[in-house]
Amino acid sequence: MDQHLTVKEATKLTGKSESTIKRLIHVITADVAHEDRNSIHPAHDELERLRDAGEPYVWKIDRMLLLKRYPQEPQAEEGSDRTDETDAATASENQLVDSLRERLLSQDDQIQTFKTQLDRKDGQIDNLNERMRETNILMKELQQKLAIAAPTAPAEPSIPIDAEPATNSPSNTSEKQSSTMEKHLPTIAGWFRSKK
């Protein structure tokens, strides 16, 4: 017979509420080195694997640990001093506290699940950003290769050269000098004639 009981089975055995049993499990499993950690299934390594995989799991607690923590009390005698009203009030308060603690534990589990999902989404976003960066680099290289392979644009037409020579060119200067000499030659020739 399996000595490990589910939470519901543990409540029937001990008479405690489910939240009390879950609180005990939470306290023990929070510390990996706890002396009673081997009394609760799944084991720490198995629990981490199931959480990472997102698979469901069921807590099971050893019967001997339950009896050690919550020994069965003998039945109260008929002449007990406690009244039924006090018992009902105490039970109601305990039930309220257990209910609140159970909600807190449930929310802690949900928060842990959401954190795991967010971490996965962050990893996916990082991967997508890296792929987009690589795509942009490849597109840039492709554009550069296409620009190199494209035919070059036709050269601009050359500017026509003026028909008249520039004023400062040496040929122009010599032409001016020769024309000046031609103008003055008759005068010089006349001057020699008059001297004779």
C-alpha atoms as a PDB file:
ATOM      1  CA  MET A   1       0.000   0.000   0.000  1.00  0.00           C
ATOM      2  CA  ASP A   2       1.299   3.459  -0.956  1.00  0.00           C
ATOM      3  CA  GLN A   3       2.246   5.444   2.150  1.00  0.00           C
ATOM      4  CA  HIS A   4       2.058   8.747   0.265  1.00  0.00           C
ATOM      5  CA  LEU A   5      -1.346  10.428   0.364  1.00  0.00           C
ATOM      6  CA  THR A   6      -2.828  13.203  -1.738  1.00  0.00           C
ATOM      7  CA  VAL A   7      -3.909  16.423  -0.030  1.00  0.00           C
ATOM      8  CA  LYS A   8      -7.548  15.276   0.125  1.00  0.00           C
ATOM      9  CA  GLU A   9      -6.582  11.934   1.598  1.00  0.00           C
ATOM     10  CA  ALA A  10      -4.378  13.717   4.135  1.00  0.00           C
ATOM     11  CA  THR A  11      -7.288  15.909   5.259  1.00  0.00           C
ATOM     12  CA  LYS A  12      -9.415  12.814   5.878  1.00  0.00           C
ATOM     13  CA  LEU A  13      -6.638  11.187   7.879  1.00  0.00           C
ATOM     14  CA  THR A  14      -5.736  14.196  10.036  1.00  0.00           C
ATOM     15  CA  GLY A  15      -9.013  16.096  10.155  1.00  0.00           C
ATOM     16  CA  LYS A  16      -7.149  19.252   9.055  1.00  0.00           C
ATOM     17  CA  SER A  17      -8.209  21.485   6.177  1.00  0.00           C
ATOM     18  CA  GLU A  18      -6.634  21.286   2.723  1.00  0.00           C
ATOM     19  CA  SER A  19      -5.015  24.701   3.200  1.00  0.00           C
ATOM     20  CA  THR A  20      -3.295  23.489   6.399  1.00  0.00           C
ATOM     21  CA  ILE A  21      -1.869  20.460   4.579  1.00  0.00           C
ATOM     22  CA  LYS A  22      -0.784  22.632   1.622  1.00  0.00           C
ATOM     23  CA  ARG A  23       0.845  25.105   3.983  1.00  0.00           C
ATOM     24  CA  LEU A  24       2.850  22.261   5.560  1.00  0.00           C
ATOM     25  CA  ILE A  25       3.910  21.073   2.091  1.00  0.00           C
ATOM     26  CA  HIS A  26       4.890  24.623   1.096  1.00  0.00           C
ATOM     27  CA  VAL A  27       7.026  25.116   4.210  1.00  0.00           C
ATOM     28  CA  ILE A  28       8.864  21.816   3.704  1.00  0.00           C
ATOM     29  CA  THR A  29       9.390  22.119  -0.081  1.00  0.00           C
ATOM     30  CA  ALA A  30      10.615  25.728   0.182  1.00  0.00           C
ATOM     31  CA  ASP A  31      13.795  24.415   1.847  1.00  0.00           C
ATOM     32  CA  VAL A  32      15.577  21.793  -0.286  1.00  0.00           C
ATOM     33  CA  ALA A  33      17.664  20.694   2.700  1.00  0.00           C
ATOM     34  CA  HIS A  34      14.648  20.239   5.001  1.00  0.00           C
ATOM     35  CA  GLU A  35      14.807  16.970   6.949  1.00  0.00           C
ATOM     36  CA  ASP A  36      11.299  15.977   5.821  1.00  0.00           C
ATOM     37  CA  ARG A  37      11.734  16.927   2.116  1.00  0.00           C
ATOM     38  CA  ASN A  38      12.023  13.249   1.083  1.00  0.00           C
ATOM     39  CA  SER A  39       8.587  12.612   2.603  1.00  0.00           C
ATOM     40  CA  ILE A  40       6.894  14.752  -0.044  1.00  0.00           C
ATOM     41  CA  HIS A  41       6.520  13.851  -3.722  1.00  0.00           C
ATOM     42  CA  PRO A  42       7.426  14.943  -6.335  1.00  0.00           C
ATOM     43  CA  ALA A  43      11.073  15.215  -5.319  1.00  0.00           C
ATOM     44  CA  HIS A  44      12.873  18.519  -5.805  1.00  0.00           C
ATOM     45  CA  ASP A  45      14.560  17.599  -9.132  1.00  0.00           C
ATOM     46  CA  GLU A  46      11.374  16.106 -10.533  1.00  0.00           C
ATOM     47  CA  LEU A  47       9.411  19.169  -9.406  1.00  0.00           C
ATOM     48  CA  GLU A  48      11.826  21.535 -11.215  1.00  0.00           C
ATOM     49  CA  ARG A  49      11.585  19.461 -14.385  1.00  0.00           C
ATOM     50  CA  LEU A  50       7.779  19.454 -14.318  1.00  0.00           C
ATOM     51  CA  ARG A  51       7.627  23.209 -13.697  1.00  0.00           C
ATOM     52  CA  ASP A  52      10.060  23.975 -16.520  1.00  0.00           C
ATOM     53  CA  ALA A  53       8.068  21.745 -18.876  1.00  0.00           C
ATOM     54  CA  GLY A  54       4.795  23.334 -17.717  1.00  0.00           C
ATOM     55  CA  GLU A  55       3.365  19.932 -16.834  1.00  0.00           C
ATOM     56  CA  PRO A  56       0.881  19.478 -13.995  1.00  0.00           C
ATOM     57  CA  TYR A  57       1.821  17.618 -10.838  1.00  0.00           C
ATOM     58  CA  VAL A  58       0.079  16.403  -7.663  1.00  0.00           C
ATOM     59  CA  TRP A  59       1.524  16.810  -4.192  1.00  0.00           C
ATOM     60  CA  LYS A  60       1.724  13.621  -2.121  1.00  0.00           C
ATOM     61  CA  ILE A  61       2.802  13.508   1.506  1.00  0.00           C
ATOM     62  CA  ASP A  62       3.973  10.557   3.575  1.00  0.00           C
ATOM     63  CA  ARG A  63       1.439   9.124   6.065  1.00  0.00           C
ATOM     64  CA  MET A  64       4.043   8.869   8.858  1.00  0.00           C
ATOM     65  CA  LEU A  65       4.957  12.555   8.472  1.00  0.00           C
ATOM     66  CA  LEU A  66       1.287  13.504   8.767  1.00  0.00           C
ATOM     67  CA  LEU A  67       0.805  11.437  11.916  1.00  0.00           C
ATOM     68  CA  LYS A  68       3.999  12.888  13.381  1.00  0.00           C
ATOM     69  CA  ARG A  69       2.904  16.466  12.682  1.00  0.00           C
ATOM     70  CA  TYR A  70      -0.775  16.051  13.475  1.00  0.00           C
ATOM     71  CA  PRO A  71      -1.205  13.266  16.015  1.00  0.00           C
ATOM     72  CA  GLN A  72      -4.773  12.059  16.273  1.00  0.00           C
ATOM     73  CA  GLU A  73      -6.349  13.520  19.370  1.00  0.00           C
ATOM     74  CA  PRO A  74      -8.534  11.363  21.596  1.00  0.00           C
ATOM     75  CA  GLN A  75     -12.240  12.037  21.535  1.00  0.00           C
ATOM     76  CA  ALA A  76     -13.323  14.777  23.938  1.00  0.00           C
ATOM     77  CA  GLU A  77     -15.148  13.604  27.040  1.00  0.00           C
ATOM     78  CA  GLU A  78     -18.776  14.465  27.613  1.00  0.00           C
ATOM     79  CA  GLY A  79     -17.984  16.660  30.602  1.00  0.00           C
ATOM     80  CA  SER A  80     -15.728  18.988  28.609  1.00  0.00           C
ATOM     81  CA  ASP A  81     -15.646  22.664  29.648  1.00  0.00           C
ATOM     82  CA  ARG A  82     -15.630  23.946  26.101  1.00  0.00           C
ATOM     83  CA  THR A  83     -19.044  24.859  24.756  1.00  0.00           C
ATOM     84  CA  ASP A  84     -20.348  24.174  21.279  1.00  0.00           C
ATOM     85  CA  GLU A  85     -20.482  27.919  20.541  1.00  0.00           C
ATOM     86  CA  THR A  86     -16.783  28.383  21.294  1.00  0.00           C
ATOM     87  CA  ASP A  87     -15.901  25.390  19.146  1.00  0.00           C
ATOM     88  CA  ALA A  88     -17.993  26.764  16.265  1.00  0.00           C
ATOM     89  CA  ALA A  89     -16.402  30.237  16.532  1.00  0.00           C
ATOM     90  CA  THR A  90     -12.880  28.805  16.637  1.00  0.00           C
ATOM     91  CA  ALA A  91     -13.608  26.504  13.721  1.00  0.00           C
ATOM     92  CA  SER A  92     -15.041  29.413  11.724  1.00  0.00           C
ATOM     93  CA  GLU A  93     -11.955  31.559  12.375  1.00  0.00           C
ATOM     94  CA  ASN A  94      -9.612  28.731  11.496  1.00  0.00           C
ATOM     95  CA  GLN A  95     -11.542  28.044   8.337  1.00  0.00           C
ATOM     96  CA  LEU A  96     -11.333  31.710   7.314  1.00  0.00           C
ATOM     97  CA  VAL A  97      -7.574  31.863   7.981  1.00  0.00           C
ATOM     98  CA  ASP A  98      -7.017  28.596   6.124  1.00  0.00           C
ATOM     99  CA  SER A  99      -9.082  29.846   3.198  1.00  0.00           C
ATOM    100  CA  LEU A 100      -7.027  33.058   2.963  1.00  0.00           C
ATOM    101  CA  ARG A 101      -3.759  31.163   3.156  1.00  0.00           C
ATOM    102  CA  GLU A 102      -4.928  28.769   0.484  1.00  0.00           C
ATOM    103  CA  ARG A 103      -5.707  31.706  -1.806  1.00  0.00           C
ATOM    104  CA  LEU A 104      -2.262  33.165  -1.205  1.00  0.00           C
ATOM    105  CA  LEU A 105      -0.576  29.870  -2.040  1.00  0.00           C
ATOM    106  CA  SER A 106      -2.695  29.529  -5.166  1.00  0.00           C
ATOM    107  CA  GLN A 107      -1.771  33.049  -6.269  1.00  0.00           C
ATOM    108  CA  ASP A 108       1.912  32.333  -5.617  1.00  0.00           C
ATOM    109  CA  ASP A 109       1.679  29.328  -7.950  1.00  0.00           C
ATOM    110  CA  GLN A 110      -0.053  31.465 -10.604  1.00  0.00           C
ATOM    111  CA  ILE A 111       2.596  34.186 -10.317  1.00  0.00           C
ATOM    112  CA  GLN A 112       5.350  31.586 -10.736  1.00  0.00           C
ATOM    113  CA  THR A 113       3.601  30.226 -13.834  1.00  0.00           C
ATOM    114  CA  PHE A 114       3.270  33.736 -15.297  1.00  0.00           C
ATOM    115  CA  LYS A 115       6.947  34.440 -14.623  1.00  0.00           C
ATOM    116  CA  THR A 116       7.926  31.276 -16.473  1.00  0.00           C
ATOM    117  CA  GLN A 117       5.718  32.232 -19.419  1.00  0.00           C
ATOM    118  CA  LEU A 118       7.135  35.781 -19.498  1.00  0.00           C
ATOM    119  CA  ASP A 119      10.685  34.436 -19.504  1.00  0.00           C
ATOM    120  CA  ARG A 120       9.829  32.236 -22.493  1.00  0.00           C
ATOM    121  CA  LYS A 121       8.213  35.149 -24.343  1.00  0.00           C
ATOM    122  CA  ASP A 122      11.246  37.357 -23.649  1.00  0.00           C
ATOM    123  CA  GLY A 123      13.455  34.652 -25.149  1.00  0.00           C
ATOM    124  CA  GLN A 124      11.235  34.446 -28.230  1.00  0.00           C
ATOM    125  CA  ILE A 125      11.298  38.234 -28.664  1.00  0.00           C
ATOM    126  CA  ASP A 126      15.091  38.282 -28.369  1.00  0.00           C
ATOM    127  CA  ASN A 127      15.328  35.552 -31.044  1.00  0.00           C
ATOM    128  CA  LEU A 128      13.003  37.480 -33.365  1.00  0.00           C
ATOM    129  CA  ASN A 129      15.014  40.679 -32.900  1.00  0.00           C
ATOM    130  CA  GLU A 130      18.209  38.816 -33.757  1.00  0.00           C
ATOM    131  CA  ARG A 131      16.621  37.351 -36.898  1.00  0.00           C
ATOM    132  CA  MET A 132      15.426  40.830 -37.948  1.00  0.00           C
ATOM    133  CA  ARG A 133      18.903  42.274 -37.417  1.00  0.00           C
ATOM    134  CA  GLU A 134      20.412  39.501 -39.551  1.00  0.00           C
ATOM    135  CA  THR A 135      17.789  40.114 -42.246  1.00  0.00           C
ATOM    136  CA  ASN A 136      18.611  43.833 -42.295  1.00  0.00           C
ATOM    137  CA  ILE A 137      22.325  43.086 -42.667  1.00  0.00           C
ATOM    138  CA  LEU A 138      21.628  40.678 -45.542  1.00  0.00           C
ATOM    139  CA  MET A 139      19.359  43.229 -47.246  1.00  0.00           C
ATOM    140  CA  LYS A 140      22.036  45.913 -46.960  1.00  0.00           C
ATOM    141  CA  GLU A 141      24.674  43.616 -48.494  1.00  0.00           C
ATOM    142  CA  LEU A 142      22.282  42.704 -51.305  1.00  0.00           C
ATOM    143  CA  GLN A 143      21.577  46.368 -52.053  1.00  0.00           C
ATOM    144  CA  GLN A 144      25.304  47.103 -52.178  1.00  0.00           C
ATOM    145  CA  LYS A 145      25.906  44.208 -54.590  1.00  0.00           C
ATOM    146  CA  LEU A 146      23.041  45.369 -56.813  1.00  0.00           C
ATOM    147  CA  ALA A 147      24.417  48.928 -56.834  1.00  0.00           C
ATOM    148  CA  ILE A 148      27.845  47.647 -57.971  1.00  0.00           C
ATOM    149  CA  ALA A 149      26.345  45.426 -60.670  1.00  0.00           C
ATOM    150  CA  ALA A 150      24.099  48.207 -62.105  1.00  0.00           C
ATOM    151  CA  PRO A 151      25.377  49.944 -65.325  1.00  0.00           C
ATOM    152  CA  THR A 152      26.920  53.363 -64.758  1.00  0.00           C
ATOM    153  CA  ALA A 153      25.051  56.479 -65.867  1.00  0.00           C
ATOM    154  CA  PRO A 154      26.161  58.103 -69.210  1.00  0.00           C
ATOM    155  CA  ALA A 155      28.791  60.826 -68.901  1.00  0.00           C
ATOM    156  CA  GLU A 156      27.647  64.444 -69.078  1.00  0.00           C
ATOM    157  CA  PRO A 157      28.210  66.148 -72.466  1.00  0.00           C
ATOM    158  CA  SER A 158      31.413  68.149 -72.679  1.00  0.00           C
ATOM    159  CA  ILE A 159      31.222  71.935 -72.683  1.00  0.00           C
ATOM    160  CA  PRO A 160      31.867  73.375 -76.187  1.00  0.00           C
ATOM    161  CA  ILE A 161      35.071  75.407 -76.549  1.00  0.00           C
ATOM    162  CA  ASP A 162      34.655  79.002 -77.683  1.00  0.00           C
ATOM    163  CA  ALA A 163      35.683  79.703 -81.265  1.00  0.00           C
ATOM    164  CA  GLU A 164      37.682  82.776 -80.325  1.00  0.00           C
ATOM    165  CA  PRO A 165      41.020  82.249 -78.621  1.00  0.00           C
ATOM    166  CA  ALA A 166      41.545  83.337 -75.070  1.00  0.00           C
ATOM    167  CA  THR A 167      42.923  86.866 -74.597  1.00  0.00           C
ATOM    168  CA  ASN A 168      45.871  85.731 -72.496  1.00  0.00           C
ATOM    169  CA  SER A 169      47.078  82.952 -74.778  1.00  0.00           C
ATOM    170  CA  PRO A 170      50.670  83.323 -76.205  1.00  0.00           C
ATOM    171  CA  SER A 171      49.517  83.010 -79.811  1.00  0.00           C
ATOM    172  CA  ASN A 172      47.097  85.885 -79.365  1.00  0.00           C
ATOM    173  CA  THR A 173      49.856  88.053 -77.908  1.00  0.00           C
ATOM    174  CA  SER A 174      52.223  87.397 -80.839  1.00  0.00           C
ATOM    175  CA  GLU A 175      49.457  88.196 -83.345  1.00  0.00           C
ATOM    176  CA  LYS A 176      48.854  91.538 -81.643  1.00  0.00           C
ATOM    177  CA  GLN A 177      52.539  92.353 -81.746  1.00  0.00           C
ATOM    178  CA  SER A 178      52.834  91.540 -85.465  1.00  0.00           C
ATOM    179  CA  SER A 179      49.809  93.676 -86.362  1.00  0.00           C
ATOM    180  CA  THR A 180      51.258  96.602 -84.389  1.00  0.00           C
ATOM    181  CA  MET A 181      54.544  96.291 -86.244  1.00  0.00           C
ATOM    182  CA  GLU A 182      52.762  96.247 -89.598  1.00  0.00           C
ATOM    183  CA  LYS A 183      51.003  99.501 -88.733  1.00  0.00           C
ATOM    184  CA  HIS A 184      54.237 101.235 -87.819  1.00  0.00           C
ATOM    185  CA  LEU A 185      56.356  99.904 -90.740  1.00  0.00           C
ATOM    186  CA  PRO A 186      55.279 102.566 -93.273  1.00  0.00           C
ATOM    187  CA  THR A 187      56.107 105.276 -90.754  1.00  0.00           C
ATOM    188  CA  ILE A 188      59.559 103.904 -90.128  1.00  0.00           C
ATOM    189  CA  ALA A 189      60.171 103.493 -93.838  1.00  0.00           C
ATOM    190  CA  GLY A 190      59.093 107.115 -94.416  1.00  0.00           C
ATOM    191  CA  TRP A 191      61.438 108.294 -91.744  1.00  0.00           C
ATOM    192  CA  PHE A 192      64.402 106.632 -93.418  1.00  0.00           C
ATOM    193  CA  ARG A 193      63.409 108.192 -96.764  1.00  0.00           C
ATOM    194  CA  SER A 194      63.280 111.671 -95.409  1.00  0.00           C
ATOM    195  CA  LYS A 195      66.752 111.364 -93.927  1.00  0.00           C
ATOM    196  CA  LYS A 196      68.276 110.516 -97.258  1.00  0.00           C
END
